[in-house]
Amino acid sequence: MQLRLLSSSKERQEFGHNLVRTRISKGAGFSETKRSLVGEAHLTFGKLYALFDEHTEQPNEMIAGFVMHDLGSFPQSYPKPDLTNFPPEAVIECGELWAKAAGSAQIVRQAAWILAGQLKSEAVLLYPIFKPWNLSRSYIHDFDRAGDPIEWPYAKTLEGGKIYVQAMVSSGAKLANMVAEAGRPGFYTDDALTVITFNTVFPISRRRERENAEVVTMTP
C-alpha cells in the first residue's frame, strides 16, 4: 500500500469530493454549518494524504484519506484540550478521515501512525464523532479521552441536529507503541515523506458500493 501526499489542485479536489460523498453515506450524514470555515481551512492549508493500492489495475485511485496539520502551522480545531505542554510543531491534529473500501479505514490509520513516527510527533490529536454516532471506539486502545464530549459548533446532521465529538490524545508510551505497531510489518519512505510504501496485515475489500463507505473521524 502507499500513502501519498497530495499536491496538485486536481488531487485536492478529488480528495474533497470523496470526503463529501462519505460524509453523507450509510445514513451517518452531516455537513458543516453555513458559517463554518474550519473544513475549508483544513483542505486549503492542511496536508492532504490519500491511500492507494499500487498493485491493482487502478493504482492511482484514492481509496481512503485524511488531513493533517501541526499546531505550529495553525491552531487546533477547538480550544480544548490544553496541549501547551508540548512544542506546537510536535503536535499533529488528524481529521477528515474517510474510507471508500471496507477495511481501508484501518489501513489508512496505520499509515497515519507511521507518518506520525517519521515526523517525530510527541502527541496526536483527534476529534472523532461521539454522538449521534460513536466513532471514538476505534481509538480507545491507543488514545486517551481528553475531557467530556464537546458540542461541535462547526457541523450539524443533515436533519439539523447537534453533533458531539470526543477529543482524544495519544502521547508518551501509548504513542510510541502505536507507531511501533504500525511500522512493524515494514515500510519505506522518500526523504521528503511524500510517499510511504508499507505492508499491512489488514484485509481490504475491492468493492466500492455505497454501503462500504466509512466516515471514520471528523474535524470538519
N, C-alpha and C. Protein backbone atom coordinates (compact mmCIF):
# COMPACT_ATOMS: atom_id res chain seq x y z
N MET A 1 0.84 -1.19 0.00
CA MET A 1 0.00 0.00 0.00
C MET A 1 0.88 1.24 0.00
N GLN A 2 0.31 2.34 -0.47
CA GLN A 2 1.05 3.60 -0.47
C GLN A 2 0.20 4.71 0.12
N LEU A 3 0.82 5.53 0.96
CA LEU A 3 0.24 6.79 1.41
C LEU A 3 0.97 7.89 0.68
N ARG A 4 0.22 8.75 -0.02
CA ARG A 4 0.84 9.80 -0.81
C ARG A 4 0.35 11.18 -0.35
N LEU A 5 1.27 12.10 -0.27
CA LEU A 5 0.94 13.50 0.00
C LEU A 5 0.44 14.11 -1.30
N LEU A 6 -0.76 14.69 -1.26
CA LEU A 6 -1.35 15.27 -2.47
C LEU A 6 -0.87 16.70 -2.64
N SER A 7 -0.58 17.06 -3.89
CA SER A 7 -0.03 18.39 -4.13
C SER A 7 -0.79 19.16 -5.21
N SER A 8 -1.29 18.48 -6.22
CA SER A 8 -1.94 19.20 -7.33
C SER A 8 -3.36 19.60 -6.95
N SER A 9 -3.86 20.64 -7.60
CA SER A 9 -5.23 21.08 -7.34
C SER A 9 -6.23 20.01 -7.73
N LYS A 10 -5.96 19.24 -8.78
CA LYS A 10 -6.85 18.17 -9.20
C LYS A 10 -6.95 17.10 -8.13
N GLU A 11 -5.82 16.73 -7.55
CA GLU A 11 -5.81 15.72 -6.48
C GLU A 11 -6.58 16.22 -5.26
N ARG A 12 -6.37 17.47 -4.92
CA ARG A 12 -7.04 18.01 -3.74
C ARG A 12 -8.55 18.11 -3.96
N GLN A 13 -8.96 18.42 -5.18
CA GLN A 13 -10.39 18.45 -5.49
C GLN A 13 -11.00 17.06 -5.41
N GLU A 14 -10.27 16.06 -5.91
CA GLU A 14 -10.75 14.69 -5.83
C GLU A 14 -10.86 14.23 -4.38
N PHE A 15 -9.90 14.61 -3.56
CA PHE A 15 -9.96 14.30 -2.14
C PHE A 15 -11.22 14.89 -1.52
N GLY A 16 -11.47 16.18 -1.79
CA GLY A 16 -12.65 16.83 -1.23
C GLY A 16 -13.94 16.18 -1.68
N HIS A 17 -13.99 15.75 -2.93
CA HIS A 17 -15.18 15.07 -3.45
C HIS A 17 -15.42 13.77 -2.71
N ASN A 18 -14.37 12.99 -2.49
CA ASN A 18 -14.50 11.74 -1.75
C ASN A 18 -14.94 11.98 -0.31
N LEU A 19 -14.40 13.03 0.29
CA LEU A 19 -14.76 13.36 1.67
C LEU A 19 -16.25 13.66 1.79
N VAL A 20 -16.77 14.49 0.88
CA VAL A 20 -18.19 14.85 0.92
C VAL A 20 -19.07 13.62 0.72
N ARG A 21 -18.70 12.78 -0.23
CA ARG A 21 -19.51 11.60 -0.52
C ARG A 21 -19.59 10.66 0.68
N THR A 22 -18.48 10.45 1.37
CA THR A 22 -18.51 9.54 2.51
C THR A 22 -19.24 10.15 3.70
N ARG A 23 -19.25 11.47 3.80
CA ARG A 23 -19.95 12.10 4.91
C ARG A 23 -21.46 11.91 4.84
N ILE A 24 -21.99 11.67 3.66
CA ILE A 24 -23.44 11.52 3.54
C ILE A 24 -23.83 10.06 3.30
N SER A 25 -22.88 9.14 3.47
CA SER A 25 -23.16 7.73 3.23
C SER A 25 -23.61 7.02 4.51
N LYS A 26 -24.17 5.83 4.35
CA LYS A 26 -24.54 4.93 5.44
C LYS A 26 -25.51 5.56 6.43
N GLY A 27 -26.21 6.60 6.03
CA GLY A 27 -27.16 7.23 6.94
C GLY A 27 -26.52 8.09 8.00
N ALA A 28 -25.18 8.12 8.03
CA ALA A 28 -24.47 8.92 9.04
C ALA A 28 -24.12 10.27 8.44
N GLY A 29 -25.14 10.96 7.92
CA GLY A 29 -24.88 12.16 7.18
C GLY A 29 -24.70 13.39 8.05
N PHE A 30 -23.76 14.22 7.68
CA PHE A 30 -23.60 15.51 8.35
C PHE A 30 -22.89 16.44 7.39
N SER A 31 -22.93 17.69 7.70
CA SER A 31 -22.24 18.69 6.89
C SER A 31 -21.85 19.85 7.79
N GLU A 32 -20.97 20.68 7.29
CA GLU A 32 -20.58 21.86 8.05
C GLU A 32 -21.73 22.85 8.11
N THR A 33 -21.72 23.66 9.14
CA THR A 33 -22.70 24.74 9.21
C THR A 33 -22.35 25.78 8.14
N LYS A 34 -23.32 26.63 7.82
CA LYS A 34 -23.10 27.62 6.79
C LYS A 34 -22.00 28.62 7.16
N ARG A 35 -21.81 28.85 8.45
CA ARG A 35 -20.81 29.83 8.89
C ARG A 35 -19.41 29.25 9.00
N SER A 36 -19.31 27.93 9.12
CA SER A 36 -18.01 27.31 9.40
C SER A 36 -17.05 27.44 8.23
N LEU A 37 -15.82 27.80 8.55
CA LEU A 37 -14.73 27.81 7.58
C LEU A 37 -13.62 26.84 7.98
N VAL A 38 -13.89 26.03 9.01
CA VAL A 38 -12.85 25.13 9.52
C VAL A 38 -12.45 24.11 8.47
N GLY A 39 -13.44 23.45 7.84
CA GLY A 39 -13.12 22.46 6.83
C GLY A 39 -12.36 23.05 5.67
N GLU A 40 -12.79 24.24 5.23
CA GLU A 40 -12.11 24.91 4.12
C GLU A 40 -10.66 25.23 4.48
N ALA A 41 -10.45 25.66 5.72
CA ALA A 41 -9.09 25.97 6.16
C ALA A 41 -8.22 24.72 6.15
N HIS A 42 -8.78 23.60 6.64
CA HIS A 42 -8.01 22.36 6.66
C HIS A 42 -7.66 21.89 5.25
N LEU A 43 -8.64 21.93 4.36
CA LEU A 43 -8.40 21.47 3.00
C LEU A 43 -7.46 22.39 2.23
N THR A 44 -7.45 23.67 2.60
CA THR A 44 -6.60 24.64 1.91
C THR A 44 -5.19 24.66 2.45
N PHE A 45 -5.06 24.64 3.78
CA PHE A 45 -3.76 24.82 4.39
C PHE A 45 -3.17 23.56 5.03
N GLY A 46 -4.01 22.54 5.27
CA GLY A 46 -3.51 21.30 5.83
C GLY A 46 -2.82 20.45 4.79
N LYS A 47 -2.18 19.39 5.24
CA LYS A 47 -1.56 18.42 4.34
C LYS A 47 -2.55 17.29 4.09
N LEU A 48 -2.86 17.05 2.83
CA LEU A 48 -3.83 16.04 2.45
C LEU A 48 -3.09 14.78 2.03
N TYR A 49 -3.45 13.65 2.65
CA TYR A 49 -2.84 12.37 2.33
C TYR A 49 -3.93 11.41 1.87
N ALA A 50 -3.61 10.61 0.87
CA ALA A 50 -4.56 9.61 0.36
C ALA A 50 -3.87 8.26 0.28
N LEU A 51 -4.68 7.22 0.43
CA LEU A 51 -4.22 5.84 0.39
C LEU A 51 -4.46 5.27 -1.00
N PHE A 52 -3.46 4.57 -1.53
CA PHE A 52 -3.54 3.95 -2.84
C PHE A 52 -3.03 2.51 -2.74
N ASP A 53 -3.60 1.65 -3.56
CA ASP A 53 -3.07 0.29 -3.70
C ASP A 53 -2.36 0.20 -5.04
N GLU A 54 -1.06 0.28 -5.00
CA GLU A 54 -0.27 0.37 -6.23
C GLU A 54 -0.21 -0.94 -7.01
N HIS A 55 -0.75 -2.02 -6.44
CA HIS A 55 -0.69 -3.31 -7.11
C HIS A 55 -2.00 -3.66 -7.83
N THR A 56 -2.94 -2.76 -7.91
CA THR A 56 -4.20 -3.03 -8.58
C THR A 56 -4.17 -2.47 -10.00
N GLU A 57 -5.26 -2.71 -10.74
CA GLU A 57 -5.36 -2.19 -12.09
C GLU A 57 -5.58 -0.68 -12.10
N GLN A 58 -5.96 -0.13 -10.94
CA GLN A 58 -6.16 1.32 -10.81
C GLN A 58 -5.27 1.85 -9.69
N PRO A 59 -3.96 1.88 -9.92
CA PRO A 59 -3.03 2.24 -8.85
C PRO A 59 -3.13 3.69 -8.39
N ASN A 60 -3.82 4.53 -9.16
CA ASN A 60 -3.94 5.95 -8.79
C ASN A 60 -5.34 6.30 -8.29
N GLU A 61 -6.13 5.28 -7.94
CA GLU A 61 -7.45 5.53 -7.37
C GLU A 61 -7.34 5.73 -5.86
N MET A 62 -7.83 6.85 -5.36
CA MET A 62 -7.84 7.09 -3.92
C MET A 62 -8.88 6.17 -3.27
N ILE A 63 -8.45 5.46 -2.22
CA ILE A 63 -9.41 4.59 -1.53
C ILE A 63 -9.66 5.03 -0.09
N ALA A 64 -8.86 5.94 0.40
CA ALA A 64 -9.07 6.49 1.74
C ALA A 64 -8.16 7.71 1.87
N GLY A 65 -8.38 8.51 2.92
CA GLY A 65 -7.54 9.68 3.10
C GLY A 65 -7.80 10.39 4.42
N PHE A 66 -6.93 11.35 4.71
CA PHE A 66 -7.08 12.18 5.91
C PHE A 66 -6.32 13.47 5.71
N VAL A 67 -6.61 14.45 6.57
CA VAL A 67 -5.91 15.74 6.56
C VAL A 67 -5.14 15.87 7.87
N MET A 68 -3.95 16.44 7.80
CA MET A 68 -3.11 16.58 8.98
C MET A 68 -2.48 17.96 9.00
N HIS A 69 -2.35 18.53 10.19
CA HIS A 69 -1.54 19.73 10.35
C HIS A 69 -0.93 19.71 11.73
N ASP A 70 0.21 20.37 11.88
CA ASP A 70 0.79 20.51 13.22
C ASP A 70 0.37 21.84 13.81
N LEU A 71 0.39 21.92 15.12
CA LEU A 71 -0.12 23.11 15.79
C LEU A 71 0.83 24.30 15.71
N GLY A 72 2.00 24.08 15.11
CA GLY A 72 2.87 25.21 14.81
C GLY A 72 2.49 25.87 13.50
N SER A 73 1.69 25.17 12.68
CA SER A 73 1.25 25.72 11.40
C SER A 73 -0.01 26.56 11.57
N PHE A 74 -1.01 26.01 12.24
CA PHE A 74 -2.20 26.76 12.66
C PHE A 74 -2.85 26.01 13.80
N PRO A 75 -3.72 26.67 14.56
CA PRO A 75 -4.19 26.11 15.84
C PRO A 75 -5.05 24.85 15.68
N GLN A 76 -5.23 24.17 16.79
CA GLN A 76 -6.14 23.02 16.82
C GLN A 76 -7.56 23.51 16.57
N SER A 77 -8.42 22.60 16.14
CA SER A 77 -9.76 22.99 15.70
C SER A 77 -10.65 23.48 16.83
N TYR A 78 -10.35 23.10 18.05
CA TYR A 78 -11.15 23.52 19.20
C TYR A 78 -10.18 23.82 20.34
N PRO A 79 -10.47 24.81 21.20
CA PRO A 79 -9.51 25.19 22.24
C PRO A 79 -9.15 24.09 23.23
N LYS A 80 -10.03 23.11 23.37
CA LYS A 80 -9.74 22.00 24.28
C LYS A 80 -9.38 20.77 23.46
N PRO A 81 -8.47 19.94 23.99
CA PRO A 81 -7.77 20.01 25.27
C PRO A 81 -6.57 20.96 25.23
N ASP A 82 -6.03 21.26 26.41
CA ASP A 82 -4.85 22.11 26.52
C ASP A 82 -3.61 21.26 26.24
N LEU A 83 -2.93 21.55 25.15
CA LEU A 83 -1.73 20.79 24.78
C LEU A 83 -0.49 21.69 24.79
N THR A 84 -0.55 22.77 25.56
CA THR A 84 0.56 23.72 25.58
C THR A 84 1.80 23.18 26.27
N ASN A 85 1.69 22.00 26.89
CA ASN A 85 2.87 21.38 27.49
C ASN A 85 3.76 20.72 26.44
N PHE A 86 3.29 20.66 25.19
CA PHE A 86 4.09 20.13 24.09
C PHE A 86 4.52 21.27 23.17
N PRO A 87 5.67 21.13 22.52
CA PRO A 87 6.02 22.11 21.47
C PRO A 87 4.96 22.06 20.38
N PRO A 88 4.43 23.18 19.93
CA PRO A 88 3.33 23.15 18.96
C PRO A 88 3.66 22.41 17.68
N GLU A 89 4.90 22.50 17.22
CA GLU A 89 5.27 21.82 15.99
C GLU A 89 5.36 20.30 16.16
N ALA A 90 5.34 19.83 17.42
CA ALA A 90 5.43 18.40 17.70
C ALA A 90 4.07 17.77 17.93
N VAL A 91 3.00 18.55 17.82
CA VAL A 91 1.63 18.04 17.98
C VAL A 91 0.95 18.06 16.62
N ILE A 92 0.43 16.93 16.20
CA ILE A 92 -0.31 16.90 14.94
C ILE A 92 -1.78 16.60 15.22
N GLU A 93 -2.63 17.28 14.48
CA GLU A 93 -4.07 17.00 14.52
C GLU A 93 -4.43 16.31 13.21
N CYS A 94 -5.13 15.20 13.32
CA CYS A 94 -5.60 14.47 12.15
C CYS A 94 -7.12 14.54 12.10
N GLY A 95 -7.67 14.72 10.92
CA GLY A 95 -9.12 14.77 10.77
C GLY A 95 -9.53 14.51 9.34
N GLU A 96 -10.83 14.69 9.06
CA GLU A 96 -11.39 14.46 7.73
C GLU A 96 -11.02 13.09 7.19
N LEU A 97 -10.99 12.09 8.08
CA LEU A 97 -10.59 10.76 7.65
C LEU A 97 -11.78 10.05 7.02
N TRP A 98 -11.62 9.63 5.77
CA TRP A 98 -12.69 8.95 5.04
C TRP A 98 -12.12 7.68 4.42
N ALA A 99 -13.01 6.71 4.15
CA ALA A 99 -12.58 5.45 3.55
C ALA A 99 -13.68 4.91 2.67
N LYS A 100 -13.34 4.64 1.40
CA LYS A 100 -14.33 4.16 0.44
C LYS A 100 -14.51 2.65 0.49
N ALA A 101 -13.43 1.92 0.69
CA ALA A 101 -13.48 0.46 0.63
C ALA A 101 -13.50 -0.12 2.04
N ALA A 102 -14.29 -1.16 2.24
CA ALA A 102 -14.36 -1.81 3.54
C ALA A 102 -12.97 -2.30 3.93
N GLY A 103 -12.54 -1.95 5.15
CA GLY A 103 -11.23 -2.35 5.63
C GLY A 103 -10.16 -1.29 5.44
N SER A 104 -10.40 -0.34 4.55
CA SER A 104 -9.36 0.65 4.27
C SER A 104 -9.20 1.67 5.39
N ALA A 105 -10.19 1.78 6.27
CA ALA A 105 -10.06 2.71 7.40
C ALA A 105 -8.91 2.30 8.31
N GLN A 106 -8.83 1.00 8.64
CA GLN A 106 -7.74 0.53 9.48
C GLN A 106 -6.39 0.75 8.81
N ILE A 107 -6.35 0.56 7.51
CA ILE A 107 -5.08 0.67 6.80
C ILE A 107 -4.62 2.12 6.73
N VAL A 108 -5.53 3.04 6.48
CA VAL A 108 -5.10 4.44 6.40
C VAL A 108 -4.74 4.97 7.79
N ARG A 109 -5.36 4.44 8.85
CA ARG A 109 -4.92 4.81 10.20
C ARG A 109 -3.51 4.30 10.45
N GLN A 110 -3.23 3.07 10.02
CA GLN A 110 -1.87 2.54 10.16
C GLN A 110 -0.87 3.46 9.48
N ALA A 111 -1.20 3.89 8.27
CA ALA A 111 -0.30 4.79 7.54
C ALA A 111 -0.11 6.11 8.28
N ALA A 112 -1.19 6.63 8.86
CA ALA A 112 -1.10 7.89 9.60
C ALA A 112 -0.17 7.77 10.80
N TRP A 113 -0.20 6.62 11.47
CA TRP A 113 0.66 6.45 12.66
C TRP A 113 2.11 6.27 12.24
N ILE A 114 2.35 5.61 11.09
CA ILE A 114 3.71 5.55 10.56
C ILE A 114 4.22 6.97 10.28
N LEU A 115 3.38 7.77 9.66
CA LEU A 115 3.75 9.15 9.35
C LEU A 115 4.05 9.93 10.63
N ALA A 116 3.22 9.76 11.65
CA ALA A 116 3.44 10.45 12.93
C ALA A 116 4.80 10.11 13.50
N GLY A 117 5.20 8.85 13.38
CA GLY A 117 6.51 8.45 13.87
C GLY A 117 7.64 9.08 13.07
N GLN A 118 7.49 9.12 11.75
CA GLN A 118 8.52 9.72 10.92
C GLN A 118 8.65 11.22 11.15
N LEU A 119 7.55 11.85 11.56
CA LEU A 119 7.58 13.28 11.86
C LEU A 119 8.07 13.57 13.28
N LYS A 120 8.34 12.50 14.02
CA LYS A 120 8.79 12.61 15.42
C LYS A 120 7.78 13.38 16.27
N SER A 121 6.53 13.09 16.06
CA SER A 121 5.46 13.76 16.81
C SER A 121 5.49 13.33 18.27
N GLU A 122 5.16 14.26 19.14
CA GLU A 122 5.09 13.97 20.57
C GLU A 122 3.65 13.76 21.03
N ALA A 123 2.69 14.17 20.22
CA ALA A 123 1.27 13.96 20.55
C ALA A 123 0.47 13.98 19.25
N VAL A 124 -0.58 13.17 19.22
CA VAL A 124 -1.52 13.15 18.10
C VAL A 124 -2.90 13.45 18.65
N LEU A 125 -3.59 14.41 18.04
CA LEU A 125 -4.90 14.87 18.49
C LEU A 125 -5.97 14.51 17.46
N LEU A 126 -7.08 13.99 17.95
CA LEU A 126 -8.23 13.66 17.10
C LEU A 126 -9.50 14.20 17.74
N TYR A 127 -10.53 14.41 16.90
CA TYR A 127 -11.86 14.75 17.39
C TYR A 127 -12.89 13.83 16.72
N PRO A 128 -12.90 12.54 17.01
CA PRO A 128 -13.90 11.65 16.39
C PRO A 128 -15.30 11.96 16.90
N ILE A 129 -16.27 11.73 16.04
CA ILE A 129 -17.67 11.92 16.44
C ILE A 129 -18.00 11.00 17.60
N PHE A 130 -18.71 11.53 18.58
CA PHE A 130 -19.16 10.75 19.74
C PHE A 130 -20.67 10.53 19.72
N LYS A 131 -21.40 11.54 19.24
CA LYS A 131 -22.86 11.47 19.22
C LYS A 131 -23.37 12.33 18.06
N PRO A 132 -24.29 11.85 17.25
CA PRO A 132 -25.18 10.69 17.41
C PRO A 132 -24.59 9.35 16.97
N TRP A 133 -23.35 9.31 16.47
CA TRP A 133 -22.71 8.05 16.13
C TRP A 133 -21.38 8.01 16.84
N ASN A 134 -21.17 7.01 17.67
CA ASN A 134 -19.93 6.94 18.45
C ASN A 134 -18.83 6.30 17.62
N LEU A 135 -17.98 7.13 17.04
CA LEU A 135 -16.86 6.66 16.23
C LEU A 135 -15.55 6.70 17.00
N SER A 136 -15.62 6.97 18.30
CA SER A 136 -14.40 7.06 19.10
C SER A 136 -13.88 5.68 19.50
N ARG A 137 -14.70 4.65 19.34
CA ARG A 137 -14.30 3.31 19.80
C ARG A 137 -13.07 2.79 19.08
N SER A 138 -12.88 3.25 17.84
CA SER A 138 -11.74 2.77 17.05
C SER A 138 -10.40 3.22 17.63
N TYR A 139 -10.43 4.17 18.57
CA TYR A 139 -9.19 4.78 19.03
C TYR A 139 -8.90 4.53 20.51
N ILE A 140 -9.77 3.83 21.20
CA ILE A 140 -9.64 3.76 22.67
C ILE A 140 -8.41 2.97 23.12
N HIS A 141 -7.87 2.12 22.26
CA HIS A 141 -6.69 1.35 22.67
C HIS A 141 -5.44 2.22 22.71
N ASP A 142 -5.31 3.14 21.77
CA ASP A 142 -4.08 3.91 21.62
C ASP A 142 -4.19 5.37 22.03
N PHE A 143 -5.41 5.81 22.34
CA PHE A 143 -5.64 7.22 22.69
C PHE A 143 -6.35 7.32 24.04
N ASP A 144 -6.15 8.44 24.71
CA ASP A 144 -6.87 8.76 25.94
C ASP A 144 -7.94 9.81 25.64
N ARG A 145 -9.10 9.63 26.24
CA ARG A 145 -10.13 10.66 26.12
C ARG A 145 -9.68 11.90 26.88
N ALA A 146 -9.84 13.05 26.27
CA ALA A 146 -9.41 14.31 26.89
C ALA A 146 -10.65 15.13 27.22
N GLY A 147 -11.14 14.99 28.45
CA GLY A 147 -12.32 15.74 28.86
C GLY A 147 -13.61 15.09 28.40
N ASP A 148 -14.70 15.82 28.59
CA ASP A 148 -16.03 15.36 28.22
C ASP A 148 -16.28 15.60 26.73
N PRO A 149 -17.27 14.91 26.15
CA PRO A 149 -17.63 15.19 24.76
C PRO A 149 -17.96 16.67 24.56
N ILE A 150 -17.65 17.18 23.39
CA ILE A 150 -17.79 18.59 23.05
C ILE A 150 -18.92 18.75 22.04
N GLU A 151 -19.83 19.68 22.30
CA GLU A 151 -20.82 20.02 21.28
C GLU A 151 -20.08 20.77 20.17
N TRP A 152 -20.02 20.17 19.00
CA TRP A 152 -19.19 20.70 17.91
C TRP A 152 -19.91 21.86 17.24
N PRO A 153 -19.31 23.05 17.23
CA PRO A 153 -20.01 24.21 16.68
C PRO A 153 -19.94 24.32 15.16
N TYR A 154 -19.18 23.44 14.52
CA TYR A 154 -18.89 23.62 13.10
C TYR A 154 -19.67 22.69 12.18
N ALA A 155 -20.50 21.79 12.74
CA ALA A 155 -21.21 20.84 11.89
C ALA A 155 -22.55 20.48 12.52
N LYS A 156 -23.48 20.04 11.66
CA LYS A 156 -24.79 19.55 12.07
C LYS A 156 -25.10 18.29 11.27
N THR A 157 -26.02 17.49 11.79
CA THR A 157 -26.51 16.38 10.99
C THR A 157 -27.29 16.96 9.81
N LEU A 158 -27.58 16.14 8.83
CA LEU A 158 -28.34 16.62 7.68
C LEU A 158 -29.74 17.05 8.06
N GLU A 159 -30.21 16.56 9.22
CA GLU A 159 -31.53 16.97 9.71
C GLU A 159 -31.44 18.19 10.62
N GLY A 160 -30.24 18.74 10.79
CA GLY A 160 -30.06 19.93 11.63
C GLY A 160 -29.77 19.64 13.08
N GLY A 161 -29.55 18.37 13.43
CA GLY A 161 -29.28 18.01 14.82
C GLY A 161 -27.85 18.32 15.25
N LYS A 162 -27.65 18.31 16.56
CA LYS A 162 -26.33 18.60 17.12
C LYS A 162 -25.39 17.42 16.92
N ILE A 163 -24.11 17.73 16.84
CA ILE A 163 -23.06 16.72 16.77
C ILE A 163 -22.10 16.96 17.93
N TYR A 164 -21.74 15.88 18.61
CA TYR A 164 -20.76 15.94 19.68
C TYR A 164 -19.53 15.15 19.27
N VAL A 165 -18.36 15.65 19.62
CA VAL A 165 -17.12 14.94 19.34
C VAL A 165 -16.39 14.70 20.66
N GLN A 166 -15.49 13.73 20.64
CA GLN A 166 -14.68 13.41 21.81
C GLN A 166 -13.22 13.70 21.49
N ALA A 167 -12.65 14.69 22.14
CA ALA A 167 -11.23 14.95 21.95
C ALA A 167 -10.43 13.77 22.50
N MET A 168 -9.45 13.31 21.73
CA MET A 168 -8.63 12.18 22.13
C MET A 168 -7.18 12.47 21.78
N VAL A 169 -6.27 12.06 22.67
CA VAL A 169 -4.85 12.37 22.51
C VAL A 169 -4.03 11.11 22.74
N SER A 170 -3.06 10.89 21.89
CA SER A 170 -2.08 9.82 22.09
C SER A 170 -0.72 10.47 22.29
N SER A 171 -0.04 10.07 23.35
CA SER A 171 1.29 10.62 23.63
C SER A 171 2.06 9.62 24.48
N GLY A 172 3.31 9.89 24.72
CA GLY A 172 4.11 9.04 25.59
C GLY A 172 4.20 7.60 25.12
N ALA A 173 4.06 6.68 26.08
CA ALA A 173 4.20 5.26 25.77
C ALA A 173 3.13 4.78 24.80
N LYS A 174 1.91 5.29 24.92
CA LYS A 174 0.85 4.87 24.00
C LYS A 174 1.18 5.24 22.57
N LEU A 175 1.67 6.45 22.37
CA LEU A 175 2.04 6.88 21.03
C LEU A 175 3.21 6.06 20.50
N ALA A 176 4.20 5.83 21.33
CA ALA A 176 5.36 5.05 20.91
C ALA A 176 4.96 3.64 20.50
N ASN A 177 4.08 3.03 21.29
CA ASN A 177 3.62 1.67 20.97
C ASN A 177 2.79 1.66 19.69
N MET A 178 1.94 2.68 19.52
CA MET A 178 1.10 2.75 18.33
C MET A 178 1.95 2.89 17.07
N VAL A 179 2.96 3.76 17.13
CA VAL A 179 3.85 3.96 15.99
C VAL A 179 4.64 2.69 15.68
N ALA A 180 5.14 2.04 16.72
CA ALA A 180 5.92 0.82 16.53
C ALA A 180 5.07 -0.28 15.91
N GLU A 181 3.85 -0.44 16.38
CA GLU A 181 2.95 -1.47 15.86
C GLU A 181 2.61 -1.20 14.40
N ALA A 182 2.37 0.08 14.06
CA ALA A 182 2.03 0.43 12.68
C ALA A 182 3.17 0.11 11.72
N GLY A 183 4.38 0.30 12.16
CA GLY A 183 5.52 0.10 11.28
C GLY A 183 6.09 -1.30 11.26
N ARG A 184 5.60 -2.16 12.16
CA ARG A 184 6.18 -3.50 12.31
C ARG A 184 6.13 -4.34 11.03
N PRO A 185 5.05 -4.29 10.23
CA PRO A 185 5.04 -5.11 9.01
C PRO A 185 6.06 -4.68 7.96
N GLY A 186 6.62 -3.48 8.12
CA GLY A 186 7.64 -2.99 7.21
C GLY A 186 7.16 -1.83 6.35
N PHE A 187 8.05 -0.86 6.14
CA PHE A 187 7.73 0.29 5.30
C PHE A 187 9.01 0.97 4.87
N TYR A 188 8.89 1.82 3.85
CA TYR A 188 9.98 2.71 3.48
C TYR A 188 9.39 4.00 2.94
N THR A 189 10.16 5.08 3.02
CA THR A 189 9.68 6.40 2.61
C THR A 189 10.73 7.10 1.77
N ASP A 190 10.30 8.15 1.07
CA ASP A 190 11.28 9.03 0.45
C ASP A 190 11.72 10.06 1.48
N ASP A 191 12.75 10.81 1.16
CA ASP A 191 13.31 11.74 2.14
C ASP A 191 12.33 12.83 2.54
N ALA A 192 11.47 13.25 1.61
CA ALA A 192 10.54 14.34 1.88
C ALA A 192 9.22 13.87 2.47
N LEU A 193 9.08 12.57 2.69
CA LEU A 193 7.84 11.98 3.22
C LEU A 193 6.63 12.29 2.34
N THR A 194 6.85 12.31 1.04
CA THR A 194 5.73 12.50 0.13
C THR A 194 5.06 11.16 -0.23
N VAL A 195 5.80 10.06 -0.07
CA VAL A 195 5.24 8.72 -0.32
C VAL A 195 5.75 7.78 0.75
N ILE A 196 4.83 7.06 1.37
CA ILE A 196 5.18 5.99 2.30
C ILE A 196 4.63 4.69 1.72
N THR A 197 5.50 3.76 1.41
CA THR A 197 5.09 2.44 0.92
C THR A 197 5.21 1.47 2.09
N PHE A 198 4.15 0.76 2.38
CA PHE A 198 4.15 -0.06 3.59
C PHE A 198 3.36 -1.35 3.39
N ASN A 199 3.68 -2.32 4.22
CA ASN A 199 2.94 -3.57 4.27
C ASN A 199 1.87 -3.48 5.34
N THR A 200 0.81 -4.24 5.18
CA THR A 200 -0.27 -4.23 6.17
C THR A 200 -0.82 -5.63 6.37
N VAL A 201 -1.29 -5.89 7.57
CA VAL A 201 -1.91 -7.18 7.86
C VAL A 201 -3.42 -7.10 7.74
N PHE A 202 -3.94 -5.90 7.48
CA PHE A 202 -5.39 -5.72 7.43
C PHE A 202 -5.92 -6.03 6.03
N PRO A 203 -7.03 -6.80 5.96
CA PRO A 203 -7.63 -7.09 4.65
C PRO A 203 -8.44 -5.90 4.16
N ILE A 204 -8.62 -5.85 2.86
CA ILE A 204 -9.40 -4.77 2.27
C ILE A 204 -10.31 -5.36 1.20
N SER A 205 -11.52 -4.85 1.12
CA SER A 205 -12.47 -5.26 0.09
C SER A 205 -12.27 -4.39 -1.13
N ARG A 206 -12.38 -4.99 -2.31
CA ARG A 206 -12.27 -4.22 -3.55
C ARG A 206 -13.61 -3.63 -3.97
N ARG A 207 -14.65 -3.93 -3.22
CA ARG A 207 -15.96 -3.40 -3.57
C ARG A 207 -15.99 -1.90 -3.30
N ARG A 208 -16.78 -1.19 -4.09
CA ARG A 208 -16.86 0.27 -3.93
C ARG A 208 -18.31 0.70 -3.70
N GLU A 209 -19.17 -0.26 -3.30
CA GLU A 209 -20.57 0.09 -3.12
C GLU A 209 -20.74 1.11 -2.01
N ARG A 210 -21.83 1.82 -2.07
CA ARG A 210 -22.15 2.88 -1.11
C ARG A 210 -22.07 2.38 0.32
N GLU A 211 -22.54 1.13 0.57
CA GLU A 211 -22.62 0.67 1.95
C GLU A 211 -21.24 0.43 2.56
N ASN A 212 -20.18 0.39 1.74
CA ASN A 212 -18.85 0.15 2.27
C ASN A 212 -18.14 1.45 2.67
N ALA A 213 -18.68 2.57 2.26
CA ALA A 213 -18.01 3.82 2.58
C ALA A 213 -18.08 4.10 4.07
N GLU A 214 -17.04 4.72 4.60
CA GLU A 214 -16.98 4.99 6.03
C GLU A 214 -16.56 6.43 6.26
N VAL A 215 -17.19 7.06 7.22
CA VAL A 215 -16.69 8.32 7.75
C VAL A 215 -16.14 7.97 9.13
N VAL A 216 -14.85 7.98 9.29
CA VAL A 216 -14.26 7.39 10.47
C VAL A 216 -13.99 8.42 11.56
N THR A 217 -13.63 9.59 11.18
CA THR A 217 -13.42 10.65 12.17
C THR A 217 -13.72 11.97 11.51
N MET A 218 -14.00 12.96 12.28
CA MET A 218 -14.29 14.24 11.67
C MET A 218 -13.68 15.38 12.46
N THR A 219 -12.94 16.19 11.76
CA THR A 219 -12.68 17.54 12.17
C THR A 219 -13.12 18.32 10.96
N PRO A 220 -14.34 18.82 10.92
CA PRO A 220 -14.95 19.29 9.67
C PRO A 220 -14.05 20.26 8.91
